[in-house]
PDBML (XML) file of the C-alpha atoms, coordinates in Angstrom:
<?xml version="1.0" encoding="UTF-8" ?>
<PDBx:datablock datablockName="MODEL"
   xmlns:PDBx="http://pdbml.pdb.org/schema/pdbx-v50.xsd"
   xmlns:xsi="http://www.w3.org/2001/XMLSchema-instance"
   xsi:schemaLocation="http://pdbml.pdb.org/schema/pdbx-v50.xsd pdbx-v50.xsd">
   <PDBx:atom_siteCategory>
      <PDBx:atom_site id="1">
         <PDBx:B_iso_or_equiv>0.00</PDBx:B_iso_or_equiv>
         <PDBx:Cartn_x>-53.613</PDBx:Cartn_x>
         <PDBx:Cartn_y>-23.595</PDBx:Cartn_y>
         <PDBx:Cartn_z>-15.862</PDBx:Cartn_z>
         <PDBx:auth_asym_id>A</PDBx:auth_asym_id>
         <PDBx:auth_atom_id>CA</PDBx:auth_atom_id>
         <PDBx:auth_comp_id>UNK</PDBx:auth_comp_id>
         <PDBx:auth_seq_id>1</PDBx:auth_seq_id>
         <PDBx:group_PDB>ATOM</PDBx:group_PDB>
         <PDBx:label_alt_id xsi:nil="true" />
         <PDBx:label_asym_id>A</PDBx:label_asym_id>
         <PDBx:label_atom_id>CA</PDBx:label_atom_id>
         <PDBx:label_comp_id>UNK</PDBx:label_comp_id>
         <PDBx:label_entity_id>1</PDBx:label_entity_id>
         <PDBx:label_seq_id>1</PDBx:label_seq_id>
         <PDBx:occupancy>1.00</PDBx:occupancy>
         <PDBx:pdbx_PDB_model_num>1</PDBx:pdbx_PDB_model_num>
         <PDBx:type_symbol>C</PDBx:type_symbol>
      </PDBx:atom_site>
      <PDBx:atom_site id="2">
         <PDBx:B_iso_or_equiv>0.00</PDBx:B_iso_or_equiv>
         <PDBx:Cartn_x>-53.832</PDBx:Cartn_x>
         <PDBx:Cartn_y>-19.456</PDBx:Cartn_y>
         <PDBx:Cartn_z>-14.561</PDBx:Cartn_z>
         <PDBx:auth_asym_id>A</PDBx:auth_asym_id>
         <PDBx:auth_atom_id>CA</PDBx:auth_atom_id>
         <PDBx:auth_comp_id>UNK</PDBx:auth_comp_id>
         <PDBx:auth_seq_id>2</PDBx:auth_seq_id>
         <PDBx:group_PDB>ATOM</PDBx:group_PDB>
         <PDBx:label_alt_id xsi:nil="true" />
         <PDBx:label_asym_id>A</PDBx:label_asym_id>
         <PDBx:label_atom_id>CA</PDBx:label_atom_id>
         <PDBx:label_comp_id>UNK</PDBx:label_comp_id>
         <PDBx:label_entity_id>1</PDBx:label_entity_id>
         <PDBx:label_seq_id>2</PDBx:label_seq_id>
         <PDBx:occupancy>1.00</PDBx:occupancy>
         <PDBx:pdbx_PDB_model_num>1</PDBx:pdbx_PDB_model_num>
         <PDBx:type_symbol>C</PDBx:type_symbol>
      </PDBx:atom_site>
      <PDBx:atom_site id="3">
         <PDBx:B_iso_or_equiv>0.00</PDBx:B_iso_or_equiv>
         <PDBx:Cartn_x>-53.882</PDBx:Cartn_x>
         <PDBx:Cartn_y>-20.842</PDBx:Cartn_y>
         <PDBx:Cartn_z>-10.819</PDBx:Cartn_z>
         <PDBx:auth_asym_id>A</PDBx:auth_asym_id>
         <PDBx:auth_atom_id>CA</PDBx:auth_atom_id>
         <PDBx:auth_comp_id>UNK</PDBx:auth_comp_id>
         <PDBx:auth_seq_id>3</PDBx:auth_seq_id>
         <PDBx:group_PDB>ATOM</PDBx:group_PDB>
         <PDBx:label_alt_id xsi:nil="true" />
         <PDBx:label_asym_id>A</PDBx:label_asym_id>
         <PDBx:label_atom_id>CA</PDBx:label_atom_id>
         <PDBx:label_comp_id>UNK</PDBx:label_comp_id>
         <PDBx:label_entity_id>1</PDBx:label_entity_id>
         <PDBx:label_seq_id>3</PDBx:label_seq_id>
         <PDBx:occupancy>1.00</PDBx:occupancy>
         <PDBx:pdbx_PDB_model_num>1</PDBx:pdbx_PDB_model_num>
         <PDBx:type_symbol>C</PDBx:type_symbol>
      </PDBx:atom_site>
      <PDBx:atom_site id="4">
         <PDBx:B_iso_or_equiv>0.00</PDBx:B_iso_or_equiv>
         <PDBx:Cartn_x>-50.838</PDBx:Cartn_x>
         <PDBx:Cartn_y>-23.371</PDBx:Cartn_y>
         <PDBx:Cartn_z>-11.092</PDBx:Cartn_z>
         <PDBx:auth_asym_id>A</PDBx:auth_asym_id>
         <PDBx:auth_atom_id>CA</PDBx:auth_atom_id>
         <PDBx:auth_comp_id>UNK</PDBx:auth_comp_id>
         <PDBx:auth_seq_id>4</PDBx:auth_seq_id>
         <PDBx:group_PDB>ATOM</PDBx:group_PDB>
         <PDBx:label_alt_id xsi:nil="true" />
         <PDBx:label_asym_id>A</PDBx:label_asym_id>
         <PDBx:label_atom_id>CA</PDBx:label_atom_id>
         <PDBx:label_comp_id>UNK</PDBx:label_comp_id>
         <PDBx:label_entity_id>1</PDBx:label_entity_id>
         <PDBx:label_seq_id>4</PDBx:label_seq_id>
         <PDBx:occupancy>1.00</PDBx:occupancy>
         <PDBx:pdbx_PDB_model_num>1</PDBx:pdbx_PDB_model_num>
         <PDBx:type_symbol>C</PDBx:type_symbol>
      </PDBx:atom_site>
      <PDBx:atom_site id="5">
         <PDBx:B_iso_or_equiv>0.00</PDBx:B_iso_or_equiv>
         <PDBx:Cartn_x>-48.511</PDBx:Cartn_x>
         <PDBx:Cartn_y>-20.343</PDBx:Cartn_y>
         <PDBx:Cartn_z>-12.660</PDBx:Cartn_z>
         <PDBx:auth_asym_id>A</PDBx:auth_asym_id>
         <PDBx:auth_atom_id>CA</PDBx:auth_atom_id>
         <PDBx:auth_comp_id>UNK</PDBx:auth_comp_id>
         <PDBx:auth_seq_id>5</PDBx:auth_seq_id>
         <PDBx:group_PDB>ATOM</PDBx:group_PDB>
         <PDBx:label_alt_id xsi:nil="true" />
         <PDBx:label_asym_id>A</PDBx:label_asym_id>
         <PDBx:label_atom_id>CA</PDBx:label_atom_id>
         <PDBx:label_comp_id>UNK</PDBx:label_comp_id>
         <PDBx:label_entity_id>1</PDBx:label_entity_id>
         <PDBx:label_seq_id>5</PDBx:label_seq_id>
         <PDBx:occupancy>1.00</PDBx:occupancy>
         <PDBx:pdbx_PDB_model_num>1</PDBx:pdbx_PDB_model_num>
         <PDBx:type_symbol>C</PDBx:type_symbol>
      </PDBx:atom_site>
      <PDBx:atom_site id="6">
         <PDBx:B_iso_or_equiv>0.00</PDBx:B_iso_or_equiv>
         <PDBx:Cartn_x>-49.556</PDBx:Cartn_x>
         <PDBx:Cartn_y>-18.318</PDBx:Cartn_y>
         <PDBx:Cartn_z>-9.074</PDBx:Cartn_z>
         <PDBx:auth_asym_id>A</PDBx:auth_asym_id>
         <PDBx:auth_atom_id>CA</PDBx:auth_atom_id>
         <PDBx:auth_comp_id>UNK</PDBx:auth_comp_id>
         <PDBx:auth_seq_id>6</PDBx:auth_seq_id>
         <PDBx:group_PDB>ATOM</PDBx:group_PDB>
         <PDBx:label_alt_id xsi:nil="true" />
         <PDBx:label_asym_id>A</PDBx:label_asym_id>
         <PDBx:label_atom_id>CA</PDBx:label_atom_id>
         <PDBx:label_comp_id>UNK</PDBx:label_comp_id>
         <PDBx:label_entity_id>1</PDBx:label_entity_id>
         <PDBx:label_seq_id>6</PDBx:label_seq_id>
         <PDBx:occupancy>1.00</PDBx:occupancy>
         <PDBx:pdbx_PDB_model_num>1</PDBx:pdbx_PDB_model_num>
         <PDBx:type_symbol>C</PDBx:type_symbol>
      </PDBx:atom_site>
      <PDBx:atom_site id="7">
         <PDBx:B_iso_or_equiv>0.00</PDBx:B_iso_or_equiv>
         <PDBx:Cartn_x>-49.437</PDBx:Cartn_x>
         <PDBx:Cartn_y>-20.730</PDBx:Cartn_y>
         <PDBx:Cartn_z>-7.273</PDBx:Cartn_z>
         <PDBx:auth_asym_id>A</PDBx:auth_asym_id>
         <PDBx:auth_atom_id>CA</PDBx:auth_atom_id>
         <PDBx:auth_comp_id>UNK</PDBx:auth_comp_id>
         <PDBx:auth_seq_id>7</PDBx:auth_seq_id>
         <PDBx:group_PDB>ATOM</PDBx:group_PDB>
         <PDBx:label_alt_id xsi:nil="true" />
         <PDBx:label_asym_id>A</PDBx:label_asym_id>
         <PDBx:label_atom_id>CA</PDBx:label_atom_id>
         <PDBx:label_comp_id>UNK</PDBx:label_comp_id>
         <PDBx:label_entity_id>1</PDBx:label_entity_id>
         <PDBx:label_seq_id>7</PDBx:label_seq_id>
         <PDBx:occupancy>1.00</PDBx:occupancy>
         <PDBx:pdbx_PDB_model_num>1</PDBx:pdbx_PDB_model_num>
         <PDBx:type_symbol>C</PDBx:type_symbol>
      </PDBx:atom_site>
      <PDBx:atom_site id="8">
         <PDBx:B_iso_or_equiv>0.00</PDBx:B_iso_or_equiv>
         <PDBx:Cartn_x>-45.315</PDBx:Cartn_x>
         <PDBx:Cartn_y>-20.850</PDBx:Cartn_y>
         <PDBx:Cartn_z>-9.146</PDBx:Cartn_z>
         <PDBx:auth_asym_id>A</PDBx:auth_asym_id>
         <PDBx:auth_atom_id>CA</PDBx:auth_atom_id>
         <PDBx:auth_comp_id>UNK</PDBx:auth_comp_id>
         <PDBx:auth_seq_id>8</PDBx:auth_seq_id>
         <PDBx:group_PDB>ATOM</PDBx:group_PDB>
         <PDBx:label_alt_id xsi:nil="true" />
         <PDBx:label_asym_id>A</PDBx:label_asym_id>
         <PDBx:label_atom_id>CA</PDBx:label_atom_id>
         <PDBx:label_comp_id>UNK</PDBx:label_comp_id>
         <PDBx:label_entity_id>1</PDBx:label_entity_id>
         <PDBx:label_seq_id>8</PDBx:label_seq_id>
         <PDBx:occupancy>1.00</PDBx:occupancy>
         <PDBx:pdbx_PDB_model_num>1</PDBx:pdbx_PDB_model_num>
         <PDBx:type_symbol>C</PDBx:type_symbol>
      </PDBx:atom_site>
      <PDBx:atom_site id="9">
         <PDBx:B_iso_or_equiv>0.00</PDBx:B_iso_or_equiv>
         <PDBx:Cartn_x>-45.405</PDBx:Cartn_x>
         <PDBx:Cartn_y>-17.343</PDBx:Cartn_y>
         <PDBx:Cartn_z>-8.770</PDBx:Cartn_z>
         <PDBx:auth_asym_id>A</PDBx:auth_asym_id>
         <PDBx:auth_atom_id>CA</PDBx:auth_atom_id>
         <PDBx:auth_comp_id>UNK</PDBx:auth_comp_id>
         <PDBx:auth_seq_id>9</PDBx:auth_seq_id>
         <PDBx:group_PDB>ATOM</PDBx:group_PDB>
         <PDBx:label_alt_id xsi:nil="true" />
         <PDBx:label_asym_id>A</PDBx:label_asym_id>
         <PDBx:label_atom_id>CA</PDBx:label_atom_id>
         <PDBx:label_comp_id>UNK</PDBx:label_comp_id>
         <PDBx:label_entity_id>1</PDBx:label_entity_id>
         <PDBx:label_seq_id>9</PDBx:label_seq_id>
         <PDBx:occupancy>1.00</PDBx:occupancy>
         <PDBx:pdbx_PDB_model_num>1</PDBx:pdbx_PDB_model_num>
         <PDBx:type_symbol>C</PDBx:type_symbol>
      </PDBx:atom_site>
      <PDBx:atom_site id="10">
         <PDBx:B_iso_or_equiv>0.00</PDBx:B_iso_or_equiv>
         <PDBx:Cartn_x>-46.223</PDBx:Cartn_x>
         <PDBx:Cartn_y>-17.362</PDBx:Cartn_y>
         <PDBx:Cartn_z>-4.724</PDBx:Cartn_z>
         <PDBx:auth_asym_id>A</PDBx:auth_asym_id>
         <PDBx:auth_atom_id>CA</PDBx:auth_atom_id>
         <PDBx:auth_comp_id>UNK</PDBx:auth_comp_id>
         <PDBx:auth_seq_id>10</PDBx:auth_seq_id>
         <PDBx:group_PDB>ATOM</PDBx:group_PDB>
         <PDBx:label_alt_id xsi:nil="true" />
         <PDBx:label_asym_id>A</PDBx:label_asym_id>
         <PDBx:label_atom_id>CA</PDBx:label_atom_id>
         <PDBx:label_comp_id>UNK</PDBx:label_comp_id>
         <PDBx:label_entity_id>1</PDBx:label_entity_id>
         <PDBx:label_seq_id>10</PDBx:label_seq_id>
         <PDBx:occupancy>1.00</PDBx:occupancy>
         <PDBx:pdbx_PDB_model_num>1</PDBx:pdbx_PDB_model_num>
         <PDBx:type_symbol>C</PDBx:type_symbol>
      </PDBx:atom_site>
      <PDBx:atom_site id="11">
         <PDBx:B_iso_or_equiv>0.00</PDBx:B_iso_or_equiv>
         <PDBx:Cartn_x>-43.968</PDBx:Cartn_x>
         <PDBx:Cartn_y>-20.673</PDBx:Cartn_y>
         <PDBx:Cartn_z>-4.599</PDBx:Cartn_z>
         <PDBx:auth_asym_id>A</PDBx:auth_asym_id>
         <PDBx:auth_atom_id>CA</PDBx:auth_atom_id>
         <PDBx:auth_comp_id>UNK</PDBx:auth_comp_id>
         <PDBx:auth_seq_id>11</PDBx:auth_seq_id>
         <PDBx:group_PDB>ATOM</PDBx:group_PDB>
         <PDBx:label_alt_id xsi:nil="true" />
         <PDBx:label_asym_id>A</PDBx:label_asym_id>
         <PDBx:label_atom_id>CA</PDBx:label_atom_id>
         <PDBx:label_comp_id>UNK</PDBx:label_comp_id>
         <PDBx:label_entity_id>1</PDBx:label_entity_id>
         <PDBx:label_seq_id>11</PDBx:label_seq_id>
         <PDBx:occupancy>1.00</PDBx:occupancy>
         <PDBx:pdbx_PDB_model_num>1</PDBx:pdbx_PDB_model_num>
         <PDBx:type_symbol>C</PDBx:type_symbol>
      </PDBx:atom_site>
      <PDBx:atom_site id="12">
         <PDBx:B_iso_or_equiv>0.00</PDBx:B_iso_or_equiv>
         <PDBx:Cartn_x>-40.990</PDBx:Cartn_x>
         <PDBx:Cartn_y>-18.578</PDBx:Cartn_y>
         <PDBx:Cartn_z>-5.715</PDBx:Cartn_z>
         <PDBx:auth_asym_id>A</PDBx:auth_asym_id>
         <PDBx:auth_atom_id>CA</PDBx:auth_atom_id>
         <PDBx:auth_comp_id>UNK</PDBx:auth_comp_id>
         <PDBx:auth_seq_id>12</PDBx:auth_seq_id>
         <PDBx:group_PDB>ATOM</PDBx:group_PDB>
         <PDBx:label_alt_id xsi:nil="true" />
         <PDBx:label_asym_id>A</PDBx:label_asym_id>
         <PDBx:label_atom_id>CA</PDBx:label_atom_id>
         <PDBx:label_comp_id>UNK</PDBx:label_comp_id>
         <PDBx:label_entity_id>1</PDBx:label_entity_id>
         <PDBx:label_seq_id>12</PDBx:label_seq_id>
         <PDBx:occupancy>1.00</PDBx:occupancy>
         <PDBx:pdbx_PDB_model_num>1</PDBx:pdbx_PDB_model_num>
         <PDBx:type_symbol>C</PDBx:type_symbol>
      </PDBx:atom_site>
      <PDBx:atom_site id="13">
         <PDBx:B_iso_or_equiv>0.00</PDBx:B_iso_or_equiv>
         <PDBx:Cartn_x>-41.418</PDBx:Cartn_x>
         <PDBx:Cartn_y>-15.627</PDBx:Cartn_y>
         <PDBx:Cartn_z>-3.519</PDBx:Cartn_z>
         <PDBx:auth_asym_id>A</PDBx:auth_asym_id>
         <PDBx:auth_atom_id>CA</PDBx:auth_atom_id>
         <PDBx:auth_comp_id>UNK</PDBx:auth_comp_id>
         <PDBx:auth_seq_id>13</PDBx:auth_seq_id>
         <PDBx:group_PDB>ATOM</PDBx:group_PDB>
         <PDBx:label_alt_id xsi:nil="true" />
         <PDBx:label_asym_id>A</PDBx:label_asym_id>
         <PDBx:label_atom_id>CA</PDBx:label_atom_id>
         <PDBx:label_comp_id>UNK</PDBx:label_comp_id>
         <PDBx:label_entity_id>1</PDBx:label_entity_id>
         <PDBx:label_seq_id>13</PDBx:label_seq_id>
         <PDBx:occupancy>1.00</PDBx:occupancy>
         <PDBx:pdbx_PDB_model_num>1</PDBx:pdbx_PDB_model_num>
         <PDBx:type_symbol>C</PDBx:type_symbol>
      </PDBx:atom_site>
      <PDBx:atom_site id="14">
         <PDBx:B_iso_or_equiv>0.00</PDBx:B_iso_or_equiv>
         <PDBx:Cartn_x>-42.276</PDBx:Cartn_x>
         <PDBx:Cartn_y>-16.896</PDBx:Cartn_y>
         <PDBx:Cartn_z>-0.826</PDBx:Cartn_z>
         <PDBx:auth_asym_id>A</PDBx:auth_asym_id>
         <PDBx:auth_atom_id>CA</PDBx:auth_atom_id>
         <PDBx:auth_comp_id>UNK</PDBx:auth_comp_id>
         <PDBx:auth_seq_id>14</PDBx:auth_seq_id>
         <PDBx:group_PDB>ATOM</PDBx:group_PDB>
         <PDBx:label_alt_id xsi:nil="true" />
         <PDBx:label_asym_id>A</PDBx:label_asym_id>
         <PDBx:label_atom_id>CA</PDBx:label_atom_id>
         <PDBx:label_comp_id>UNK</PDBx:label_comp_id>
         <PDBx:label_entity_id>1</PDBx:label_entity_id>
         <PDBx:label_seq_id>14</PDBx:label_seq_id>
         <PDBx:occupancy>1.00</PDBx:occupancy>
         <PDBx:pdbx_PDB_model_num>1</PDBx:pdbx_PDB_model_num>
         <PDBx:type_symbol>C</PDBx:type_symbol>
      </PDBx:atom_site>
      <PDBx:atom_site id="15">
         <PDBx:B_iso_or_equiv>0.00</PDBx:B_iso_or_equiv>
         <PDBx:Cartn_x>-39.496</PDBx:Cartn_x>
         <PDBx:Cartn_y>-19.451</PDBx:Cartn_y>
         <PDBx:Cartn_z>0.191</PDBx:Cartn_z>
         <PDBx:auth_asym_id>A</PDBx:auth_asym_id>
         <PDBx:auth_atom_id>CA</PDBx:auth_atom_id>
         <PDBx:auth_comp_id>UNK</PDBx:auth_comp_id>
         <PDBx:auth_seq_id>15</PDBx:auth_seq_id>
         <PDBx:group_PDB>ATOM</PDBx:group_PDB>
         <PDBx:label_alt_id xsi:nil="true" />
         <PDBx:label_asym_id>A</PDBx:label_asym_id>
         <PDBx:label_atom_id>CA</PDBx:label_atom_id>
         <PDBx:label_comp_id>UNK</PDBx:label_comp_id>
         <PDBx:label_entity_id>1</PDBx:label_entity_id>
         <PDBx:label_seq_id>15</PDBx:label_seq_id>
         <PDBx:occupancy>1.00</PDBx:occupancy>
         <PDBx:pdbx_PDB_model_num>1</PDBx:pdbx_PDB_model_num>
         <PDBx:type_symbol>C</PDBx:type_symbol>
      </PDBx:atom_site>
      <PDBx:atom_site id="16">
         <PDBx:B_iso_or_equiv>0.00</PDBx:B_iso_or_equiv>
         <PDBx:Cartn_x>-35.778</PDBx:Cartn_x>
         <PDBx:Cartn_y>-18.560</PDBx:Cartn_y>
         <PDBx:Cartn_z>0.400</PDBx:Cartn_z>
         <PDBx:auth_asym_id>A</PDBx:auth_asym_id>
         <PDBx:auth_atom_id>CA</PDBx:auth_atom_id>
         <PDBx:auth_comp_id>UNK</PDBx:auth_comp_id>
         <PDBx:auth_seq_id>16</PDBx:auth_seq_id>
         <PDBx:group_PDB>ATOM</PDBx:group_PDB>
         <PDBx:label_alt_id xsi:nil="true" />
         <PDBx:label_asym_id>A</PDBx:label_asym_id>
         <PDBx:label_atom_id>CA</PDBx:label_atom_id>
         <PDBx:label_comp_id>UNK</PDBx:label_comp_id>
         <PDBx:label_entity_id>1</PDBx:label_entity_id>
         <PDBx:label_seq_id>16</PDBx:label_seq_id>
         <PDBx:occupancy>1.00</PDBx:occupancy>
         <PDBx:pdbx_PDB_model_num>1</PDBx:pdbx_PDB_model_num>
         <PDBx:type_symbol>C</PDBx:type_symbol>
      </PDBx:atom_site>
      <PDBx:atom_site id="17">
         <PDBx:B_iso_or_equiv>0.00</PDBx:B_iso_or_equiv>
         <PDBx:Cartn_x>-32.906</PDBx:Cartn_x>
         <PDBx:Cartn_y>-20.629</PDBx:Cartn_y>
         <PDBx:Cartn_z>-2.463</PDBx:Cartn_z>
         <PDBx:auth_asym_id>A</PDBx:auth_asym_id>
         <PDBx:auth_atom_id>CA</PDBx:auth_atom_id>
         <PDBx:auth_comp_id>UNK</PDBx:auth_comp_id>
         <PDBx:auth_seq_id>17</PDBx:auth_seq_id>
         <PDBx:group_PDB>ATOM</PDBx:group_PDB>
         <PDBx:label_alt_id xsi:nil="true" />
         <PDBx:label_asym_id>A</PDBx:label_asym_id>
         <PDBx:label_atom_id>CA</PDBx:label_atom_id>
         <PDBx:label_comp_id>UNK</PDBx:label_comp_id>
         <PDBx:label_entity_id>1</PDBx:label_entity_id>
         <PDBx:label_seq_id>17</PDBx:label_seq_id>
         <PDBx:occupancy>1.00</PDBx:occupancy>
         <PDBx:pdbx_PDB_model_num>1</PDBx:pdbx_PDB_model_num>
         <PDBx:type_symbol>C</PDBx:type_symbol>
      </PDBx:atom_site>
      <PDBx:atom_site id="18">
         <PDBx:B_iso_or_equiv>0.00</PDBx:B_iso_or_equiv>
         <PDBx:Cartn_x>-30.087</PDBx:Cartn_x>
         <PDBx:Cartn_y>-21.082</PDBx:Cartn_y>
         <PDBx:Cartn_z>-0.324</PDBx:Cartn_z>
         <PDBx:auth_asym_id>A</PDBx:auth_asym_id>
         <PDBx:auth_atom_id>CA</PDBx:auth_atom_id>
         <PDBx:auth_comp_id>UNK</PDBx:auth_comp_id>
         <PDBx:auth_seq_id>18</PDBx:auth_seq_id>
         <PDBx:group_PDB>ATOM</PDBx:group_PDB>
         <PDBx:label_alt_id xsi:nil="true" />
         <PDBx:label_asym_id>A</PDBx:label_asym_id>
         <PDBx:label_atom_id>CA</PDBx:label_atom_id>
         <PDBx:label_comp_id>UNK</PDBx:label_comp_id>
         <PDBx:label_entity_id>1</PDBx:label_entity_id>
         <PDBx:label_seq_id>18</PDBx:label_seq_id>
         <PDBx:occupancy>1.00</PDBx:occupancy>
         <PDBx:pdbx_PDB_model_num>1</PDBx:pdbx_PDB_model_num>
         <PDBx:type_symbol>C</PDBx:type_symbol>
      </PDBx:atom_site>
      <PDBx:atom_site id="19">
         <PDBx:B_iso_or_equiv>0.00</PDBx:B_iso_or_equiv>
         <PDBx:Cartn_x>-27.459</PDBx:Cartn_x>
         <PDBx:Cartn_y>-24.610</PDBx:Cartn_y>
         <PDBx:Cartn_z>-0.538</PDBx:Cartn_z>
         <PDBx:auth_asym_id>A</PDBx:auth_asym_id>
         <PDBx:auth_atom_id>CA</PDBx:auth_atom_id>
         <PDBx:auth_comp_id>UNK</PDBx:auth_comp_id>
         <PDBx:auth_seq_id>19</PDBx:auth_seq_id>
         <PDBx:group_PDB>ATOM</PDBx:group_PDB>
         <PDBx:label_alt_id xsi:nil="true" />
         <PDBx:label_asym_id>A</PDBx:label_asym_id>
         <PDBx:label_atom_id>CA</PDBx:label_atom_id>
         <PDBx:label_comp_id>UNK</PDBx:label_comp_id>
         <PDBx:label_entity_id>1</PDBx:label_entity_id>
         <PDBx:label_seq_id>19</PDBx:label_seq_id>
         <PDBx:occupancy>1.00</PDBx:occupancy>
         <PDBx:pdbx_PDB_model_num>1</PDBx:pdbx_PDB_model_num>
         <PDBx:type_symbol>C</PDBx:type_symbol>
      </PDBx:atom_site>
      <PDBx:atom_site id="20">
         <PDBx:B_iso_or_equiv>0.00</PDBx:B_iso_or_equiv>
         <PDBx:Cartn_x>-27.141</PDBx:Cartn_x>
         <PDBx:Cartn_y>-26.831</PDBx:Cartn_y>
         <PDBx:Cartn_z>1.500</PDBx:Cartn_z>
         <PDBx:auth_asym_id>A</PDBx:auth_asym_id>
         <PDBx:auth_atom_id>CA</PDBx:auth_atom_id>
         <PDBx:auth_comp_id>UNK</PDBx:auth_comp_id>
         <PDBx:auth_seq_id>20</PDBx:auth_seq_id>
         <PDBx:group_PDB>ATOM</PDBx:group_PDB>
         <PDBx:label_alt_id xsi:nil="true" />
         <PDBx:label_asym_id>A</PDBx:label_asym_id>
         <PDBx:label_atom_id>CA</PDBx:label_atom_id>
         <PDBx:label_comp_id>UNK</PDBx:label_comp_id>
         <PDBx:label_entity_id>1</PDBx:label_entity_id>
         <PDBx:label_seq_id>20</PDBx:label_seq_id>
         <PDBx:occupancy>1.00</PDBx:occupancy>
         <PDBx:pdbx_PDB_model_num>1</PDBx:pdbx_PDB_model_num>
         <PDBx:type_symbol>C</PDBx:type_symbol>
      </PDBx:atom_site>
      <PDBx:atom_site id="21">
         <PDBx:B_iso_or_equiv>0.00</PDBx:B_iso_or_equiv>
         <PDBx:Cartn_x>-30.112</PDBx:Cartn_x>
         <PDBx:Cartn_y>-25.832</PDBx:Cartn_y>
         <PDBx:Cartn_z>3.766</PDBx:Cartn_z>
         <PDBx:auth_asym_id>A</PDBx:auth_asym_id>
         <PDBx:auth_atom_id>CA</PDBx:auth_atom_id>
         <PDBx:auth_comp_id>UNK</PDBx:auth_comp_id>
         <PDBx:auth_seq_id>21</PDBx:auth_seq_id>
         <PDBx:group_PDB>ATOM</PDBx:group_PDB>
         <PDBx:label_alt_id xsi:nil="true" />
         <PDBx:label_asym_id>A</PDBx:label_asym_id>
         <PDBx:label_atom_id>CA</PDBx:label_atom_id>
         <PDBx:label_comp_id>UNK</PDBx:label_comp_id>
         <PDBx:label_entity_id>1</PDBx:label_entity_id>
         <PDBx:label_seq_id>21</PDBx:label_seq_id>
         <PDBx:occupancy>1.00</PDBx:occupancy>
         <PDBx:pdbx_PDB_model_num>1</PDBx:pdbx_PDB_model_num>
         <PDBx:type_symbol>C</PDBx:type_symbol>
      </PDBx:atom_site>
      <PDBx:atom_site id="22">
         <PDBx:B_iso_or_equiv>0.00</PDBx:B_iso_or_equiv>
         <PDBx:Cartn_x>-31.348</PDBx:Cartn_x>
         <PDBx:Cartn_y>-29.262</PDBx:Cartn_y>
         <PDBx:Cartn_z>3.456</PDBx:Cartn_z>
         <PDBx:auth_asym_id>A</PDBx:auth_asym_id>
         <PDBx:auth_atom_id>CA</PDBx:auth_atom_id>
         <PDBx:auth_comp_id>UNK</PDBx:auth_comp_id>
         <PDBx:auth_seq_id>22</PDBx:auth_seq_id>
         <PDBx:group_PDB>ATOM</PDBx:group_PDB>
         <PDBx:label_alt_id xsi:nil="true" />
         <PDBx:label_asym_id>A</PDBx:label_asym_id>
         <PDBx:label_atom_id>CA</PDBx:label_atom_id>
         <PDBx:label_comp_id>UNK</PDBx:label_comp_id>
         <PDBx:label_entity_id>1</PDBx:label_entity_id>
         <PDBx:label_seq_id>22</PDBx:label_seq_id>
         <PDBx:occupancy>1.00</PDBx:occupancy>
         <PDBx:pdbx_PDB_model_num>1</PDBx:pdbx_PDB_model_num>
         <PDBx:type_symbol>C</PDBx:type_symbol>
      </PDBx:atom_site>
      <PDBx:atom_site id="23">
         <PDBx:B_iso_or_equiv>0.00</PDBx:B_iso_or_equiv>
         <PDBx:Cartn_x>-30.991</PDBx:Cartn_x>
         <PDBx:Cartn_y>-32.464</PDBx:Cartn_y>
         <PDBx:Cartn_z>2.565</PDBx:Cartn_z>
         <PDBx:auth_asym_id>A</PDBx:auth_asym_id>
         <PDBx:auth_atom_id>CA</PDBx:auth_atom_id>
         <PDBx:auth_comp_id>UNK</PDBx:auth_comp_id>
         <PDBx:auth_seq_id>23</PDBx:auth_seq_id>
         <PDBx:group_PDB>ATOM</PDBx:group_PDB>
         <PDBx:label_alt_id xsi:nil="true" />
         <PDBx:label_asym_id>A</PDBx:label_asym_id>
         <PDBx:label_atom_id>CA</PDBx:label_atom_id>
         <PDBx:label_comp_id>UNK</PDBx:label_comp_id>
         <PDBx:label_entity_id>1</PDBx:label_entity_id>
         <PDBx:label_seq_id>23</PDBx:label_seq_id>
         <PDBx:occupancy>1.00</PDBx:occupancy>
         <PDBx:pdbx_PDB_model_num>1</PDBx:pdbx_PDB_model_num>
         <PDBx:type_symbol>C</PDBx:type_symbol>
      </PDBx:atom_site>
      <PDBx:atom_site id="24">
         <PDBx:B_iso_or_equiv>0.00</PDBx:B_iso_or_equiv>
         <PDBx:Cartn_x>-32.573</PDBx:Cartn_x>
         <PDBx:Cartn_y>-35.206</PDBx:Cartn_y>
         <PDBx:Cartn_z>0.911</PDBx:Cartn_z>
         <PDBx:auth_asym_id>A</PDBx:auth_asym_id>
         <PDBx:auth_atom_id>CA</PDBx:auth_atom_id>
         <PDBx:auth_comp_id>UNK</PDBx:auth_comp_id>
         <PDBx:auth_seq_id>24</PDBx:auth_seq_id>
         <PDBx:group_PDB>ATOM</PDBx:group_PDB>
         <PDBx:label_alt_id xsi:nil="true" />
         <PDBx:label_asym_id>A</PDBx:label_asym_id>
         <PDBx:label_atom_id>CA</PDBx:label_atom_id>
         <PDBx:label_comp_id>UNK</PDBx:label_comp_id>
         <PDBx:label_entity_id>1</PDBx:label_entity_id>
         <PDBx:label_seq_id>24</PDBx:label_seq_id>
         <PDBx:occupancy>1.00</PDBx:occupancy>
         <PDBx:pdbx_PDB_model_num>1</PDBx:pdbx_PDB_model_num>
         <PDBx:type_symbol>C</PDBx:type_symbol>
      </PDBx:atom_site>
   </PDBx:atom_siteCategory>
</PDBx:datablock>
């Protein structure tokens, strides 16, 4: 559980949320 939470932090900080930057 700790490791998965750490992975979540890294995905959040390492990727940029941008609407319509990808599609399905």
